Amino acid sequence: MKECIGQKPRVPYSAAVKAGGFIFVSGQLPTDANGAVQGGIREQTALCLDKVKAILEEAGSSMDKVVKTTVYITDKADFAAMNEVYVQYFPENRPSRACVVAGLVIDAKIEIEAVALQ
């Protein structure tokens, strides 16, 4: 059985899905309430991770239960700066992670998805 979290009528996916003892958080883009993207890689990384954190909390979990993340960045030159912010959200017992350089569907520098324990 699965439970969908944060469904919105204007997008064809859930912010997260609970299933099999896990919470699968969809890729989070660094958009504000108006859909705008602002700031550099550090600000955008923090916004993505803040959104992941909020979704996990809504689903009854937390950042310390994250077991896997996938980070998509558009420029490999942003890798070190992204990591500076990333480690602030995962100071110890860090989840496994893949980091992929890829194009994104909007003009942003980063997108982050996560899998956490319930």
PDB file of N, CA and C in Angstrom:
ATOM      1  N   MET A   1       0.835  -1.183   0.000  1.00  0.00           N
ATOM      2  CA  MET A   1       0.000   0.000   0.000  1.00  0.00           C
ATOM      3  C   MET A   1       0.880   1.246   0.000  1.00  0.00           C
ATOM      4  N   LYS A   2       0.435   2.271  -0.685  1.00  0.00           N
ATOM      5  CA  LYS A   2       1.191   3.518  -0.700  1.00  0.00           C
ATOM      6  C   LYS A   2       0.304   4.675  -0.292  1.00  0.00           C
ATOM      7  N   GLU A   3       0.960   5.703   0.224  1.00  0.00           N
ATOM      8  CA  GLU A   3       0.271   6.936   0.615  1.00  0.00           C
ATOM      9  C   GLU A   3       0.974   8.097  -0.067  1.00  0.00           C
ATOM     10  N   CYS A   4       0.214   8.887  -0.806  1.00  0.00           N
ATOM     11  CA  CYS A   4       0.780  10.037  -1.507  1.00  0.00           C
ATOM     12  C   CYS A   4       0.749  11.263  -0.603  1.00  0.00           C
ATOM     13  N   ILE A   5       1.840  12.012  -0.601  1.00  0.00           N
ATOM     14  CA  ILE A   5       1.997  13.216   0.215  1.00  0.00           C
ATOM     15  C   ILE A   5       2.129  14.414  -0.724  1.00  0.00           C
ATOM     16  N   GLY A   6       1.415  15.491  -0.427  1.00  0.00           N
ATOM     17  CA  GLY A   6       1.602  16.746  -1.156  1.00  0.00           C
ATOM     18  C   GLY A   6       1.206  16.719  -2.610  1.00  0.00           C
ATOM     19  N   GLN A   7       0.066  16.098  -2.923  1.00  0.00           N
ATOM     20  CA  GLN A   7      -0.398  16.136  -4.306  1.00  0.00           C
ATOM     21  C   GLN A   7      -0.976  17.509  -4.616  1.00  0.00           C
ATOM     22  N   LYS A   8      -0.632  18.021  -5.787  1.00  0.00           N
ATOM     23  CA  LYS A   8      -1.159  19.310  -6.236  1.00  0.00           C
ATOM     24  C   LYS A   8      -1.798  19.102  -7.602  1.00  0.00           C
ATOM     25  N   PRO A   9      -2.959  19.701  -7.832  1.00  0.00           N
ATOM     26  CA  PRO A   9      -3.660  19.458  -9.092  1.00  0.00           C
ATOM     27  C   PRO A   9      -2.902  19.910 -10.337  1.00  0.00           C
ATOM     28  N   ARG A  10      -1.994  20.863 -10.201  1.00  0.00           N
ATOM     29  CA  ARG A  10      -1.329  21.404 -11.397  1.00  0.00           C
ATOM     30  C   ARG A  10      -0.107  20.603 -11.839  1.00  0.00           C
ATOM     31  N   VAL A  11       0.317  19.610 -11.044  1.00  0.00           N
ATOM     32  CA  VAL A  11       1.476  18.796 -11.438  1.00  0.00           C
ATOM     33  C   VAL A  11       1.111  17.311 -11.396  1.00  0.00           C
ATOM     34  N   PRO A  12       1.661  16.513 -12.319  1.00  0.00           N
ATOM     35  CA  PRO A  12       1.265  15.104 -12.417  1.00  0.00           C
ATOM     36  C   PRO A  12       2.072  14.153 -11.529  1.00  0.00           C
ATOM     37  N   TYR A  13       2.436  14.577 -10.326  1.00  0.00           N
ATOM     38  CA  TYR A  13       3.184  13.711  -9.411  1.00  0.00           C
ATOM     39  C   TYR A  13       2.970  14.186  -7.983  1.00  0.00           C
ATOM     40  N   SER A  14       3.344  13.343  -7.037  1.00  0.00           N
ATOM     41  CA  SER A  14       3.259  13.688  -5.613  1.00  0.00           C
ATOM     42  C   SER A  14       4.601  14.213  -5.143  1.00  0.00           C
ATOM     43  N   ALA A  15       4.583  15.081  -4.143  1.00  0.00           N
ATOM     44  CA  ALA A  15       5.838  15.562  -3.561  1.00  0.00           C
ATOM     45  C   ALA A  15       6.603  14.401  -2.941  1.00  0.00           C
ATOM     46  N   ALA A  16       5.852  13.437  -2.396  1.00  0.00           N
ATOM     47  CA  ALA A  16       6.465  12.243  -1.815  1.00  0.00           C
ATOM     48  C   ALA A  16       5.451  11.113  -1.791  1.00  0.00           C
ATOM     49  N   VAL A  17       5.967   9.895  -1.677  1.00  0.00           N
ATOM     50  CA  VAL A  17       5.128   8.712  -1.542  1.00  0.00           C
ATOM     51  C   VAL A  17       5.696   7.859  -0.419  1.00  0.00           C
ATOM     52  N   LYS A  18       4.825   7.451   0.510  1.00  0.00           N
ATOM     53  CA  LYS A  18       5.197   6.492   1.554  1.00  0.00           C
ATOM     54  C   LYS A  18       4.865   5.100   1.036  1.00  0.00           C
ATOM     55  N   ALA A  19       5.839   4.194   1.112  1.00  0.00           N
ATOM     56  CA  ALA A  19       5.607   2.812   0.685  1.00  0.00           C
ATOM     57  C   ALA A  19       6.690   1.918   1.272  1.00  0.00           C
ATOM     58  N   GLY A  20       6.293   0.760   1.762  1.00  0.00           N
ATOM     59  CA  GLY A  20       7.256  -0.236   2.225  1.00  0.00           C
ATOM     60  C   GLY A  20       8.213   0.246   3.296  1.00  0.00           C
ATOM     61  N   GLY A  21       7.764   1.132   4.170  1.00  0.00           N
ATOM     62  CA  GLY A  21       8.629   1.628   5.237  1.00  0.00           C
ATOM     63  C   GLY A  21       9.545   2.772   4.827  1.00  0.00           C
ATOM     64  N   PHE A  22       9.398   3.234   3.589  1.00  0.00           N
ATOM     65  CA  PHE A  22      10.231   4.321   3.077  1.00  0.00           C
ATOM     66  C   PHE A  22       9.368   5.503   2.660  1.00  0.00           C
ATOM     67  N   ILE A  23      10.015   6.654   2.549  1.00  0.00           N
ATOM     68  CA  ILE A  23       9.402   7.850   1.976  1.00  0.00           C
ATOM     69  C   ILE A  23      10.273   8.258   0.794  1.00  0.00           C
ATOM     70  N   PHE A  24       9.672   8.293  -0.375  1.00  0.00           N
ATOM     71  CA  PHE A  24      10.367   8.662  -1.605  1.00  0.00           C
ATOM     72  C   PHE A  24       9.987  10.102  -1.939  1.00  0.00           C
ATOM     73  N   VAL A  25      10.946  11.012  -1.826  1.00  0.00           N
ATOM     74  CA  VAL A  25      10.696  12.434  -2.074  1.00  0.00           C
ATOM     75  C   VAL A  25      11.072  12.757  -3.515  1.00  0.00           C
ATOM     76  N   SER A  26      10.116  13.294  -4.256  1.00  0.00           N
ATOM     77  CA  SER A  26      10.371  13.697  -5.641  1.00  0.00           C
ATOM     78  C   SER A  26      11.442  14.772  -5.693  1.00  0.00           C
ATOM     79  N   GLY A  27      12.059  14.920  -6.858  1.00  0.00           N
ATOM     80  CA  GLY A  27      13.073  15.945  -7.043  1.00  0.00           C
ATOM     81  C   GLY A  27      12.542  17.323  -6.689  1.00  0.00           C
ATOM     82  N   GLN A  28      13.289  18.029  -5.857  1.00  0.00           N
ATOM     83  CA  GLN A  28      12.900  19.371  -5.417  1.00  0.00           C
ATOM     84  C   GLN A  28      13.777  20.404  -6.107  1.00  0.00           C
ATOM     85  N   LEU A  29      13.116  21.346  -6.744  1.00  0.00           N
ATOM     86  CA  LEU A  29      13.804  22.436  -7.437  1.00  0.00           C
ATOM     87  C   LEU A  29      13.839  23.670  -6.539  1.00  0.00           C
ATOM     88  N   PRO A  30      14.794  24.557  -6.766  1.00  0.00           N
ATOM     89  CA  PRO A  30      14.945  25.743  -5.908  1.00  0.00           C
ATOM     90  C   PRO A  30      14.035  26.895  -6.311  1.00  0.00           C
ATOM     91  N   THR A  31      12.731  26.640  -6.287  1.00  0.00           N
ATOM     92  CA  THR A  31      11.775  27.685  -6.649  1.00  0.00           C
ATOM     93  C   THR A  31      11.125  28.253  -5.394  1.00  0.00           C
ATOM     94  N   ASP A  32      10.842  29.550  -5.437  1.00  0.00           N
ATOM     95  CA  ASP A  32      10.144  30.172  -4.312  1.00  0.00           C
ATOM     96  C   ASP A  32       8.634  29.989  -4.496  1.00  0.00           C
ATOM     97  N   ALA A  33       7.841  30.603  -3.643  1.00  0.00           N
ATOM     98  CA  ALA A  33       6.383  30.448  -3.678  1.00  0.00           C
ATOM     99  C   ALA A  33       5.772  30.909  -5.001  1.00  0.00           C
ATOM    100  N   ASN A  34       6.470  31.795  -5.712  1.00  0.00           N
ATOM    101  CA  ASN A  34       5.980  32.291  -7.001  1.00  0.00           C
ATOM    102  C   ASN A  34       6.541  31.518  -8.184  1.00  0.00           C
ATOM    103  N   GLY A  35       7.335  30.484  -7.913  1.00  0.00           N
ATOM    104  CA  GLY A  35       7.924  29.688  -8.982  1.00  0.00           C
ATOM    105  C   GLY A  35       9.218  30.255  -9.534  1.00  0.00           C
ATOM    106  N   ALA A  36       9.739  31.307  -8.912  1.00  0.00           N
ATOM    107  CA  ALA A  36      10.977  31.937  -9.386  1.00  0.00           C
ATOM    108  C   ALA A  36      12.202  31.243  -8.793  1.00  0.00           C
ATOM    109  N   VAL A  37      13.284  31.254  -9.563  1.00  0.00           N
ATOM    110  CA  VAL A  37      14.573  30.722  -9.118  1.00  0.00           C
ATOM    111  C   VAL A  37      15.508  31.899  -8.924  1.00  0.00           C
ATOM    112  N   GLN A  38      16.119  31.988  -7.736  1.00  0.00           N
ATOM    113  CA  GLN A  38      17.037  33.089  -7.460  1.00  0.00           C
ATOM    114  C   GLN A  38      18.275  32.561  -6.759  1.00  0.00           C
ATOM    115  N   GLY A  39      19.335  33.348  -6.805  1.00  0.00           N
ATOM    116  CA  GLY A  39      20.551  33.023  -6.076  1.00  0.00           C
ATOM    117  C   GLY A  39      21.464  32.077  -6.831  1.00  0.00           C
ATOM    118  N   GLY A  40      22.624  31.859  -6.223  1.00  0.00           N
ATOM    119  CA  GLY A  40      23.620  30.968  -6.793  1.00  0.00           C
ATOM    120  C   GLY A  40      23.445  29.553  -6.272  1.00  0.00           C
ATOM    121  N   ILE A  41      24.443  28.729  -6.511  1.00  0.00           N
ATOM    122  CA  ILE A  41      24.345  27.316  -6.150  1.00  0.00           C
ATOM    123  C   ILE A  41      24.158  27.113  -4.647  1.00  0.00           C
ATOM    124  N   ARG A  42      24.792  27.910  -3.823  1.00  0.00           N
ATOM    125  CA  ARG A  42      24.640  27.738  -2.372  1.00  0.00           C
ATOM    126  C   ARG A  42      23.195  27.990  -1.929  1.00  0.00           C
ATOM    127  N   GLU A  43      22.632  29.088  -2.375  1.00  0.00           N
ATOM    128  CA  GLU A  43      21.256  29.424  -2.009  1.00  0.00           C
ATOM    129  C   GLU A  43      20.274  28.399  -2.575  1.00  0.00           C
ATOM    130  N   GLN A  44      20.514  27.985  -3.798  1.00  0.00           N
ATOM    131  CA  GLN A  44      19.621  27.022  -4.433  1.00  0.00           C
ATOM    132  C   GLN A  44      19.707  25.653  -3.756  1.00  0.00           C
ATOM    133  N   THR A  45      20.903  25.246  -3.349  1.00  0.00           N
ATOM    134  CA  THR A  45      21.055  23.975  -2.634  1.00  0.00           C
ATOM    135  C   THR A  45      20.293  24.023  -1.319  1.00  0.00           C
ATOM    136  N   ALA A  46      20.450  25.108  -0.579  1.00  0.00           N
ATOM    137  CA  ALA A  46      19.756  25.249   0.703  1.00  0.00           C
ATOM    138  C   ALA A  46      18.240  25.209   0.510  1.00  0.00           C
ATOM    139  N   LEU A  47      17.740  25.869  -0.509  1.00  0.00           N
ATOM    140  CA  LEU A  47      16.296  25.882  -0.741  1.00  0.00           C
ATOM    141  C   LEU A  47      15.785  24.485  -1.084  1.00  0.00           C
ATOM    142  N   CYS A  48      16.505  23.767  -1.931  1.00  0.00           N
ATOM    143  CA  CYS A  48      16.104  22.388  -2.256  1.00  0.00           C
ATOM    144  C   CYS A  48      16.061  21.525  -1.005  1.00  0.00           C
ATOM    145  N   LEU A  49      17.094  21.613  -0.184  1.00  0.00           N
ATOM    146  CA  LEU A  49      17.153  20.781   1.019  1.00  0.00           C
ATOM    147  C   LEU A  49      16.125  21.219   2.059  1.00  0.00           C
ATOM    148  N   ASP A  50      15.826  22.503   2.137  1.00  0.00           N
ATOM    149  CA  ASP A  50      14.754  22.968   3.021  1.00  0.00           C
ATOM    150  C   ASP A  50      13.413  22.374   2.587  1.00  0.00           C
ATOM    151  N   LYS A  51      13.203  22.292   1.282  1.00  0.00           N
ATOM    152  CA  LYS A  51      11.962  21.714   0.772  1.00  0.00           C
ATOM    153  C   LYS A  51      11.894  20.216   1.067  1.00  0.00           C
ATOM    154  N   VAL A  52      13.009  19.508   0.874  1.00  0.00           N
ATOM    155  CA  VAL A  52      13.055  18.081   1.218  1.00  0.00           C
ATOM    156  C   VAL A  52      12.716  17.903   2.698  1.00  0.00           C
ATOM    157  N   LYS A  53      13.333  18.717   3.540  1.00  0.00           N
ATOM    158  CA  LYS A  53      13.103  18.646   4.994  1.00  0.00           C
ATOM    159  C   LYS A  53      11.623  18.858   5.330  1.00  0.00           C
ATOM    160  N   ALA A  54      11.002  19.859   4.736  1.00  0.00           N
ATOM    161  CA  ALA A  54       9.592  20.157   5.004  1.00  0.00           C
ATOM    162  C   ALA A  54       8.682  19.005   4.568  1.00  0.00           C
ATOM    163  N   ILE A  55       8.971  18.424   3.427  1.00  0.00           N
ATOM    164  CA  ILE A  55       8.166  17.300   2.935  1.00  0.00           C
ATOM    165  C   ILE A  55       8.317  16.098   3.860  1.00  0.00           C
ATOM    166  N   LEU A  56       9.546  15.815   4.271  1.00  0.00           N
ATOM    167  CA  LEU A  56       9.768  14.693   5.190  1.00  0.00           C
ATOM    168  C   LEU A  56       9.028  14.909   6.506  1.00  0.00           C
ATOM    169  N   GLU A  57       9.074  16.116   7.022  1.00  0.00           N
ATOM    170  CA  GLU A  57       8.375  16.408   8.278  1.00  0.00           C
ATOM    171  C   GLU A  57       6.864  16.263   8.110  1.00  0.00           C
ATOM    172  N   GLU A  58       6.339  16.702   6.975  1.00  0.00           N
ATOM    173  CA  GLU A  58       4.906  16.530   6.696  1.00  0.00           C
ATOM    174  C   GLU A  58       4.541  15.044   6.658  1.00  0.00           C
ATOM    175  N   ALA A  59       5.472  14.224   6.189  1.00  0.00           N
ATOM    176  CA  ALA A  59       5.246  12.778   6.082  1.00  0.00           C
ATOM    177  C   ALA A  59       5.573  12.034   7.372  1.00  0.00           C
ATOM    178  N   GLY A  60       6.016  12.756   8.408  1.00  0.00           N
ATOM    179  CA  GLY A  60       6.321  12.126   9.691  1.00  0.00           C
ATOM    180  C   GLY A  60       7.731  11.600   9.813  1.00  0.00           C
ATOM    181  N   SER A  61       8.641  12.100   8.997  1.00  0.00           N
ATOM    182  CA  SER A  61      10.034  11.657   9.041  1.00  0.00           C
ATOM    183  C   SER A  61      10.934  12.864   9.276  1.00  0.00           C
ATOM    184  N   SER A  62      12.225  12.697   9.020  1.00  0.00           N
ATOM    185  CA  SER A  62      13.169  13.796   9.242  1.00  0.00           C
ATOM    186  C   SER A  62      14.437  13.569   8.427  1.00  0.00           C
ATOM    187  N   MET A  63      15.265  14.590   8.379  1.00  0.00           N
ATOM    188  CA  MET A  63      16.508  14.523   7.606  1.00  0.00           C
ATOM    189  C   MET A  63      17.458  13.445   8.125  1.00  0.00           C
ATOM    190  N   ASP A  64      17.426  13.162   9.424  1.00  0.00           N
ATOM    191  CA  ASP A  64      18.339  12.144   9.948  1.00  0.00           C
ATOM    192  C   ASP A  64      17.915  10.727   9.565  1.00  0.00           C
ATOM    193  N   LYS A  65      16.753  10.590   8.926  1.00  0.00           N
ATOM    194  CA  LYS A  65      16.300   9.282   8.445  1.00  0.00           C
ATOM    195  C   LYS A  65      16.515   9.107   6.942  1.00  0.00           C
ATOM    196  N   VAL A  66      17.140  10.090   6.303  1.00  0.00           N
ATOM    197  CA  VAL A  66      17.416   9.994   4.867  1.00  0.00           C
ATOM    198  C   VAL A  66      18.502   8.944   4.646  1.00  0.00           C
ATOM    199  N   VAL A  67      18.227   8.005   3.735  1.00  0.00           N
ATOM    200  CA  VAL A  67      19.194   6.942   3.443  1.00  0.00           C
ATOM    201  C   VAL A  67      19.844   7.100   2.072  1.00  0.00           C
ATOM    202  N   LYS A  68      19.237   7.909   1.189  1.00  0.00           N
ATOM    203  CA  LYS A  68      19.778   8.076  -0.162  1.00  0.00           C
ATOM    204  C   LYS A  68      19.312   9.398  -0.732  1.00  0.00           C
ATOM    205  N   THR A  69      20.214  10.104  -1.388  1.00  0.00           N
ATOM    206  CA  THR A  69      19.836  11.289  -2.158  1.00  0.00           C
ATOM    207  C   THR A  69      20.408  11.168  -3.560  1.00  0.00           C
ATOM    208  N   THR A  70      19.756  11.830  -4.472  1.00  0.00           N
ATOM    209  CA  THR A  70      20.302  12.023  -5.810  1.00  0.00           C
ATOM    210  C   THR A  70      20.295  13.523  -6.052  1.00  0.00           C
ATOM    211  N   VAL A  71      21.453  14.050  -6.389  1.00  0.00           N
ATOM    212  CA  VAL A  71      21.632  15.479  -6.630  1.00  0.00           C
ATOM    213  C   VAL A  71      21.924  15.661  -8.117  1.00  0.00           C
ATOM    214  N   TYR A  72      21.152  16.496  -8.758  1.00  0.00           N
ATOM    215  CA  TYR A  72      21.368  16.837 -10.161  1.00  0.00           C
ATOM    216  C   TYR A  72      21.867  18.274 -10.204  1.00  0.00           C
ATOM    217  N   ILE A  73      23.047  18.482 -10.762  1.00  0.00           N
ATOM    218  CA  ILE A  73      23.579  19.831 -10.933  1.00  0.00           C
ATOM    219  C   ILE A  73      23.817  20.071 -12.421  1.00  0.00           C
ATOM    220  N   THR A  74      23.730  21.322 -12.830  1.00  0.00           N
ATOM    221  CA  THR A  74      23.891  21.633 -14.251  1.00  0.00           C
ATOM    222  C   THR A  74      25.332  21.947 -14.630  1.00  0.00           C
ATOM    223  N   ASP A  75      26.179  22.187 -13.632  1.00  0.00           N
ATOM    224  CA  ASP A  75      27.574  22.555 -13.896  1.00  0.00           C
ATOM    225  C   ASP A  75      28.470  21.878 -12.862  1.00  0.00           C
ATOM    226  N   LYS A  76      29.387  21.028 -13.329  1.00  0.00           N
ATOM    227  CA  LYS A  76      30.249  20.312 -12.376  1.00  0.00           C
ATOM    228  C   LYS A  76      31.133  21.264 -11.581  1.00  0.00           C
ATOM    229  N   ALA A  77      31.315  22.485 -12.050  1.00  0.00           N
ATOM    230  CA  ALA A  77      32.093  23.478 -11.303  1.00  0.00           C
ATOM    231  C   ALA A  77      31.388  23.881 -10.001  1.00  0.00           C
ATOM    232  N   ASP A  78      30.092  23.593  -9.885  1.00  0.00           N
ATOM    233  CA  ASP A  78      29.327  23.914  -8.674  1.00  0.00           C
ATOM    234  C   ASP A  78      29.409  22.825  -7.605  1.00  0.00           C
ATOM    235  N   PHE A  79      30.089  21.724  -7.894  1.00  0.00           N
ATOM    236  CA  PHE A  79      30.112  20.571  -6.994  1.00  0.00           C
ATOM    237  C   PHE A  79      30.626  20.919  -5.595  1.00  0.00           C
ATOM    238  N   ALA A  80      31.749  21.593  -5.501  1.00  0.00           N
ATOM    239  CA  ALA A  80      32.337  21.910  -4.187  1.00  0.00           C
ATOM    240  C   ALA A  80      31.435  22.853  -3.387  1.00  0.00           C
ATOM    241  N   ALA A  81      30.905  23.874  -4.029  1.00  0.00           N
ATOM    242  CA  ALA A  81      30.029  24.824  -3.327  1.00  0.00           C
ATOM    243  C   ALA A  81      28.741  24.142  -2.873  1.00  0.00           C
ATOM    244  N   MET A  82      28.195  23.266  -3.700  1.00  0.00           N
ATOM    245  CA  MET A  82      27.005  22.509  -3.312  1.00  0.00           C
ATOM    246  C   MET A  82      27.307  21.674  -2.078  1.00  0.00           C
ATOM    247  N   ASN A  83      28.462  21.013  -2.056  1.00  0.00           N
ATOM    248  CA  ASN A  83      28.838  20.172  -0.914  1.00  0.00           C
ATOM    249  C   ASN A  83      28.984  20.968   0.376  1.00  0.00           C
ATOM    250  N   GLU A  84      29.453  22.202   0.282  1.00  0.00           N
ATOM    251  CA  GLU A  84      29.593  23.046   1.476  1.00  0.00           C
ATOM    252  C   GLU A  84      28.244  23.215   2.178  1.00  0.00           C
ATOM    253  N   VAL A  85      27.200  23.374   1.406  1.00  0.00           N
ATOM    254  CA  VAL A  85      25.858  23.528   1.971  1.00  0.00           C
ATOM    255  C   VAL A  85      25.290  22.163   2.359  1.00  0.00           C
ATOM    256  N   TYR A  86      25.463  21.180   1.510  1.00  0.00           N
ATOM    257  CA  TYR A  86      24.910  19.837   1.722  1.00  0.00           C
ATOM    258  C   TYR A  86      25.324  19.269   3.076  1.00  0.00           C
ATOM    259  N   VAL A  87      26.592  19.410   3.447  1.00  0.00           N
ATOM    260  CA  VAL A  87      27.068  18.825   4.714  1.00  0.00           C
ATOM    261  C   VAL A  87      26.445  19.505   5.935  1.00  0.00           C
ATOM    262  N   GLN A  88      25.940  20.714   5.784  1.00  0.00           N
ATOM    263  CA  GLN A  88      25.248  21.375   6.897  1.00  0.00           C
ATOM    264  C   GLN A  88      23.922  20.671   7.212  1.00  0.00           C
ATOM    265  N   TYR A  89      23.310  20.056   6.220  1.00  0.00           N
ATOM    266  CA  TYR A  89      22.052  19.339   6.403  1.00  0.00           C
ATOM    267  C   TYR A  89      22.271  17.888   6.820  1.00  0.00           C
ATOM    268  N   PHE A  90      23.453  17.366   6.524  1.00  0.00           N
ATOM    269  CA  PHE A  90      23.808  15.993   6.880  1.00  0.00           C
ATOM    270  C   PHE A  90      25.182  16.000   7.541  1.00  0.00           C
ATOM    271  N   PRO A  91      25.286  16.529   8.778  1.00  0.00           N
ATOM    272  CA  PRO A  91      26.595  16.672   9.418  1.00  0.00           C
ATOM    273  C   PRO A  91      27.257  15.348   9.789  1.00  0.00           C
ATOM    274  N   GLU A  92      26.461  14.307  10.046  1.00  0.00           N
ATOM    275  CA  GLU A  92      27.029  12.988  10.351  1.00  0.00           C
ATOM    276  C   GLU A  92      26.034  11.927   9.904  1.00  0.00           C
ATOM    277  N   ASN A  93      26.497  10.688   9.861  1.00  0.00           N
ATOM    278  CA  ASN A  93      25.656   9.586   9.372  1.00  0.00           C
ATOM    279  C   ASN A  93      25.009   9.960   8.042  1.00  0.00           C
ATOM    280  N   ARG A  94      25.847  10.392   7.126  1.00  0.00           N
ATOM    281  CA  ARG A  94      25.360  10.888   5.835  1.00  0.00           C
ATOM    282  C   ARG A  94      24.748   9.772   4.994  1.00  0.00           C
ATOM    283  N   PRO A  95      23.707  10.117   4.243  1.00  0.00           N
ATOM    284  CA  PRO A  95      23.086   9.120   3.365  1.00  0.00           C
ATOM    285  C   PRO A  95      23.980   8.800   2.173  1.00  0.00           C
ATOM    286  N   SER A  96      23.704   7.675   1.529  1.00  0.00           N
ATOM    287  CA  SER A  96      24.383   7.412   0.264  1.00  0.00           C
ATOM    288  C   SER A  96      23.890   8.463  -0.734  1.00  0.00           C
ATOM    289  N   ARG A  97      24.681   8.692  -1.788  1.00  0.00           N
ATOM    290  CA  ARG A  97      24.323   9.773  -2.704  1.00  0.00           C
ATOM    291  C   ARG A  97      24.897   9.519  -4.080  1.00  0.00           C
ATOM    292  N   ALA A  98      24.155   9.935  -5.070  1.00  0.00           N
ATOM    293  CA  ALA A  98      24.665  10.049  -6.429  1.00  0.00           C
ATOM    294  C   ALA A  98      24.573  11.518  -6.799  1.00  0.00           C
ATOM    295  N   CYS A  99      25.562  12.006  -7.530  1.00  0.00           N
ATOM    296  CA  CYS A  99      25.524  13.374  -8.048  1.00  0.00           C
ATOM    297  C   CYS A  99      25.708  13.284  -9.553  1.00  0.00           C
ATOM    298  N   VAL A 100      24.759  13.844 -10.277  1.00  0.00           N
ATOM    299  CA  VAL A 100      24.720  13.738 -11.723  1.00  0.00           C
ATOM    300  C   VAL A 100      24.734  15.136 -12.329  1.00  0.00           C
ATOM    301  N   VAL A 101      25.554  15.334 -13.348  1.00  0.00           N
ATOM    302  CA  VAL A 101      25.524  16.591 -14.097  1.00  0.00           C
ATOM    303  C   VAL A 101      24.513  16.402 -15.223  1.00  0.00           C
ATOM    304  N   ALA A 102      23.483  17.253 -15.222  1.00  0.00           N
ATOM    305  CA  ALA A 102      22.390  17.076 -16.174  1.00  0.00           C
ATOM    306  C   ALA A 102      21.679  18.395 -16.438  1.00  0.00           C
ATOM    307  N   GLY A 103      20.951  18.441 -17.531  1.00  0.00           N
ATOM    308  CA  GLY A 103      20.070  19.569 -17.792  1.00  0.00           C
ATOM    309  C   GLY A 103      18.812  19.421 -16.948  1.00  0.00           C
ATOM    310  N   LEU A 104      18.220  20.515 -16.541  1.00  0.00           N
ATOM    311  CA  LEU A 104      17.001  20.492 -15.734  1.00  0.00           C
ATOM    312  C   LEU A 104      15.843  21.093 -16.521  1.00  0.00           C
ATOM    313  N   VAL A 105      14.621  20.847 -16.065  1.00  0.00           N
ATOM    314  CA  VAL A 105      13.443  21.306 -16.801  1.00  0.00           C
ATOM    315  C   VAL A 105      13.191  22.803 -16.663  1.00  0.00           C
ATOM    316  N   ILE A 106      13.821  23.439 -15.675  1.00  0.00           N
ATOM    317  CA  ILE A 106      13.737  24.894 -15.535  1.00  0.00           C
ATOM    318  C   ILE A 106      15.157  25.442 -15.448  1.00  0.00           C
ATOM    319  N   ASP A 107      15.276  26.752 -15.482  1.00  0.00           N
ATOM    320  CA  ASP A 107      16.588  27.390 -15.442  1.00  0.00           C
ATOM    321  C   ASP A 107      17.087  27.479 -13.999  1.00  0.00           C
ATOM    322  N   ALA A 108      17.460  26.327 -13.455  1.00  0.00           N
ATOM    323  CA  ALA A 108      17.994  26.232 -12.097  1.00  0.00           C
ATOM    324  C   ALA A 108      19.329  25.509 -12.165  1.00  0.00           C
ATOM    325  N   LYS A 109      20.094  25.603 -11.095  1.00  0.00           N
ATOM    326  CA  LYS A 109      21.406  24.979 -11.040  1.00  0.00           C
ATOM    327  C   LYS A 109      21.385  23.596 -10.402  1.00  0.00           C
ATOM    328  N   ILE A 110      20.281  23.235  -9.710  1.00  0.00           N
ATOM    329  CA  ILE A 110      20.269  22.013  -8.918  1.00  0.00           C
ATOM    330  C   ILE A 110      18.851  21.488  -8.717  1.00  0.00           C
ATOM    331  N   GLU A 111      18.752  20.181  -8.539  1.00  0.00           N
ATOM    332  CA  GLU A 111      17.521  19.500  -8.134  1.00  0.00           C
ATOM    333  C   GLU A 111      17.946  18.352  -7.226  1.00  0.00           C
ATOM    334  N   ILE A 112      17.198  18.116  -6.152  1.00  0.00           N
ATOM    335  CA  ILE A 112      17.564  17.069  -5.197  1.00  0.00           C
ATOM    336  C   ILE A 112      16.347  16.209  -4.880  1.00  0.00           C
ATOM    337  N   GLU A 113      16.529  14.879  -4.970  1.00  0.00           N
ATOM    338  CA  GLU A 113      15.506  13.934  -4.535  1.00  0.00           C
ATOM    339  C   GLU A 113      16.072  13.096  -3.399  1.00  0.00           C
ATOM    340  N   ALA A 114      15.189  12.477  -2.624  1.00  0.00           N
ATOM    341  CA  ALA A 114      15.650  11.741  -1.446  1.00  0.00           C
ATOM    342  C   ALA A 114      14.766  10.534  -1.160  1.00  0.00           C
ATOM    343  N   VAL A 115      15.370   9.572  -0.464  1.00  0.00           N
ATOM    344  CA  VAL A 115      14.649   8.425   0.076  1.00  0.00           C
ATOM    345  C   VAL A 115      14.964   8.383   1.561  1.00  0.00           C
ATOM    346  N   ALA A 116      13.919   8.266   2.380  1.00  0.00           N
ATOM    347  CA  ALA A 116      14.104   8.240   3.834  1.00  0.00           C
ATOM    348  C   ALA A 116      13.301   7.101   4.444  1.00  0.00           C
ATOM    349  N   LEU A 117      13.701   6.708   5.643  1.00  0.00           N
ATOM    350  CA  LEU A 117      12.909   5.767   6.421  1.00  0.00           C
ATOM    351  C   LEU A 117      11.713   6.501   7.001  1.00  0.00           C
ATOM    352  N   GLN A 118      10.623   5.780   7.196  1.00  0.00           N
ATOM    353  CA  GLN A 118       9.433   6.409   7.792  1.00  0.00           C
ATOM    354  C   GLN A 118       9.652   6.731   9.246  1.00  0.00           C
TER     355      GLN A 118
END
